[in-house]
């Protein structure tokens, strides 16, 4: 799992807690990501930052190419991450149209 520019410690901790719950093998954080070892991150993660292996991936976003070359499937869950994937990304589906009343 790659945490792309998680700038708040609360979100960083929540990602680690989710990663542990989902059985993710490791978490990669980008250079601008909040420090997973910051007290608030550790508290929100319920200590899972000490259980799930993690490292910073640099350079970013060029590190995406390294992941692809290593055989990882790379997908984006946000518009910013999708933009970072560049030419190797698939086009996201169009936004859903709101329901109208007849």
C-alpha atoms as a PDB file:
ATOM      1  CA  UNK A   1       0.000   0.000   0.000  1.00  0.00           C
ATOM      2  CA  UNK A   2       1.299   3.456  -0.857  1.00  0.00           C
ATOM      3  CA  UNK A   3       0.254   6.447   1.259  1.00  0.00           C
ATOM      4  CA  UNK A   4       0.503   9.321  -1.187  1.00  0.00           C
ATOM      5  CA  UNK A   5       1.068  12.687   0.538  1.00  0.00           C
ATOM      6  CA  UNK A   6      -0.913  11.945   3.706  1.00  0.00           C
ATOM      7  CA  UNK A   7      -0.283  15.295   5.323  1.00  0.00           C
ATOM      8  CA  UNK A   8      -2.132  14.818   8.602  1.00  0.00           C
ATOM      9  CA  UNK A   9      -0.883  12.532  11.332  1.00  0.00           C
ATOM     10  CA  UNK A  10      -4.413  11.318  12.023  1.00  0.00           C
ATOM     11  CA  UNK A  11      -4.861  10.084   8.440  1.00  0.00           C
ATOM     12  CA  UNK A  12      -1.427   8.471   8.455  1.00  0.00           C
ATOM     13  CA  UNK A  13      -2.256   6.560  11.614  1.00  0.00           C
ATOM     14  CA  UNK A  14      -5.632   5.494  10.212  1.00  0.00           C
ATOM     15  CA  UNK A  15      -4.001   4.166   7.029  1.00  0.00           C
ATOM     16  CA  UNK A  16      -1.592   2.066   9.097  1.00  0.00           C
ATOM     17  CA  UNK A  17      -4.433   0.718  11.234  1.00  0.00           C
ATOM     18  CA  UNK A  18      -6.398  -0.182   8.097  1.00  0.00           C
ATOM     19  CA  UNK A  19      -3.326  -1.752   6.493  1.00  0.00           C
ATOM     20  CA  UNK A  20      -2.808  -3.962   9.545  1.00  0.00           C
ATOM     21  CA  UNK A  21      -6.466  -4.971   9.550  1.00  0.00           C
ATOM     22  CA  UNK A  22      -6.376  -5.844   5.849  1.00  0.00           C
ATOM     23  CA  UNK A  23      -3.163  -7.837   6.175  1.00  0.00           C
ATOM     24  CA  UNK A  24      -1.112  -5.570   3.920  1.00  0.00           C
ATOM     25  CA  UNK A  25       2.516  -6.723   3.624  1.00  0.00           C
ATOM     26  CA  UNK A  26       4.016  -3.216   3.888  1.00  0.00           C
ATOM     27  CA  UNK A  27       3.217   0.480   3.631  1.00  0.00           C
ATOM     28  CA  UNK A  28       5.190   2.860   1.432  1.00  0.00           C
ATOM     29  CA  UNK A  29       4.886   6.549   2.257  1.00  0.00           C
ATOM     30  CA  UNK A  30       5.822   9.407  -0.045  1.00  0.00           C
ATOM     31  CA  UNK A  31       8.344  12.088   0.973  1.00  0.00           C
ATOM     32  CA  UNK A  32       5.647  14.644   1.910  1.00  0.00           C
ATOM     33  CA  UNK A  33       3.688  12.154   4.011  1.00  0.00           C
ATOM     34  CA  UNK A  34       3.325  12.890   7.742  1.00  0.00           C
ATOM     35  CA  UNK A  35       5.736  11.012  10.010  1.00  0.00           C
ATOM     36  CA  UNK A  36       4.218   7.635  10.970  1.00  0.00           C
ATOM     37  CA  UNK A  37       6.257   7.659  14.192  1.00  0.00           C
ATOM     38  CA  UNK A  38       4.834  10.989  15.366  1.00  0.00           C
ATOM     39  CA  UNK A  39       2.921  10.542  18.631  1.00  0.00           C
ATOM     40  CA  UNK A  40      -0.509  11.294  17.130  1.00  0.00           C
ATOM     41  CA  UNK A  41       0.065   8.863  14.235  1.00  0.00           C
ATOM     42  CA  UNK A  42       1.079   6.105  16.630  1.00  0.00           C
ATOM     43  CA  UNK A  43      -1.946   6.715  18.840  1.00  0.00           C
ATOM     44  CA  UNK A  44      -4.462   6.711  15.982  1.00  0.00           C
ATOM     45  CA  UNK A  45      -2.839   3.601  14.499  1.00  0.00           C
ATOM     46  CA  UNK A  46      -3.230   1.856  17.866  1.00  0.00           C
ATOM     47  CA  UNK A  47       0.443   0.912  17.655  1.00  0.00           C
ATOM     48  CA  UNK A  48       0.249  -0.831  14.294  1.00  0.00           C
ATOM     49  CA  UNK A  49       2.993   1.433  12.899  1.00  0.00           C
ATOM     50  CA  UNK A  50       5.313  -0.807  14.918  1.00  0.00           C
ATOM     51  CA  UNK A  51       3.823  -4.007  13.427  1.00  0.00           C
ATOM     52  CA  UNK A  52       3.473  -3.192   9.726  1.00  0.00           C
ATOM     53  CA  UNK A  53       6.778  -2.791   7.851  1.00  0.00           C
ATOM     54  CA  UNK A  54       7.081   0.604   6.156  1.00  0.00           C
ATOM     55  CA  UNK A  55       9.528   2.860   4.364  1.00  0.00           C
ATOM     56  CA  UNK A  56       9.578   6.110   2.427  1.00  0.00           C
ATOM     57  CA  UNK A  57       9.558   5.696  -1.340  1.00  0.00           C
ATOM     58  CA  UNK A  58      11.835   8.133  -3.142  1.00  0.00           C
ATOM     59  CA  UNK A  59      11.998   9.630  -5.650  1.00  0.00           C
ATOM     60  CA  UNK A  60       8.310  10.421  -5.968  1.00  0.00           C
ATOM     61  CA  UNK A  61       6.411  10.093  -8.286  1.00  0.00           C
ATOM     62  CA  UNK A  62       9.236   8.460 -10.268  1.00  0.00           C
ATOM     63  CA  UNK A  63       9.133   5.637  -7.710  1.00  0.00           C
ATOM     64  CA  UNK A  64       5.936   4.427  -9.371  1.00  0.00           C
ATOM     65  CA  UNK A  65       8.025   3.208 -12.292  1.00  0.00           C
ATOM     66  CA  UNK A  66      10.230   1.250  -9.893  1.00  0.00           C
ATOM     67  CA  UNK A  67       7.150  -0.417  -8.413  1.00  0.00           C
ATOM     68  CA  UNK A  68       5.827  -1.335 -11.855  1.00  0.00           C
ATOM     69  CA  UNK A  69       9.235  -2.674 -12.909  1.00  0.00           C
ATOM     70  CA  UNK A  70       9.258  -4.840  -9.777  1.00  0.00           C
ATOM     71  CA  UNK A  71       5.971  -6.404 -10.867  1.00  0.00           C
ATOM     72  CA  UNK A  72       3.516  -4.527  -8.648  1.00  0.00           C
ATOM     73  CA  UNK A  73       0.100  -3.535  -9.991  1.00  0.00           C
ATOM     74  CA  UNK A  74      -0.321   0.186  -9.337  1.00  0.00           C
ATOM     75  CA  UNK A  75      -3.793   1.705  -8.966  1.00  0.00           C
ATOM     76  CA  UNK A  76      -4.938   5.085  -7.644  1.00  0.00           C
ATOM     77  CA  UNK A  77      -7.696   5.820  -5.136  1.00  0.00           C
ATOM     78  CA  UNK A  78      -7.657   9.606  -5.460  1.00  0.00           C
ATOM     79  CA  UNK A  79      -7.380  12.217  -8.180  1.00  0.00           C
ATOM     80  CA  UNK A  80      -3.978  13.365  -6.922  1.00  0.00           C
ATOM     81  CA  UNK A  81      -2.594   9.836  -6.892  1.00  0.00           C
ATOM     82  CA  UNK A  82      -4.116   9.201 -10.312  1.00  0.00           C
ATOM     83  CA  UNK A  83      -2.325  12.286 -11.643  1.00  0.00           C
ATOM     84  CA  UNK A  84       0.949  11.026 -10.150  1.00  0.00           C
ATOM     85  CA  UNK A  85       0.602   7.744 -12.070  1.00  0.00           C
ATOM     86  CA  UNK A  86       0.954   9.681 -15.310  1.00  0.00           C
ATOM     87  CA  UNK A  87       0.839   7.966 -18.674  1.00  0.00           C
ATOM     88  CA  UNK A  88       0.666   4.476 -17.175  1.00  0.00           C
ATOM     89  CA  UNK A  89      -2.731   5.137 -15.619  1.00  0.00           C
ATOM     90  CA  UNK A  90      -6.049   4.130 -16.999  1.00  0.00           C
ATOM     91  CA  UNK A  91      -8.768   6.708 -17.399  1.00  0.00           C
ATOM     92  CA  UNK A  92     -11.017   6.883 -14.330  1.00  0.00           C
ATOM     93  CA  UNK A  93     -14.743   6.344 -14.864  1.00  0.00           C
ATOM     94  CA  UNK A  94     -16.829   9.481 -15.383  1.00  0.00           C
ATOM     95  CA  UNK A  95     -18.562  10.824 -12.263  1.00  0.00           C
ATOM     96  CA  UNK A  96     -22.040   9.463 -11.590  1.00  0.00           C
ATOM     97  CA  UNK A  97     -24.890  11.697 -12.639  1.00  0.00           C
ATOM     98  CA  UNK A  98     -27.213  12.727  -9.811  1.00  0.00           C
ATOM     99  CA  UNK A  99     -30.672  11.207  -9.895  1.00  0.00           C
ATOM    100  CA  UNK A 100     -33.398  13.551 -11.120  1.00  0.00           C
ATOM    101  CA  UNK A 101     -37.039  13.519 -10.143  1.00  0.00           C
ATOM    102  CA  UNK A 102     -39.634  13.168 -12.868  1.00  0.00           C
END
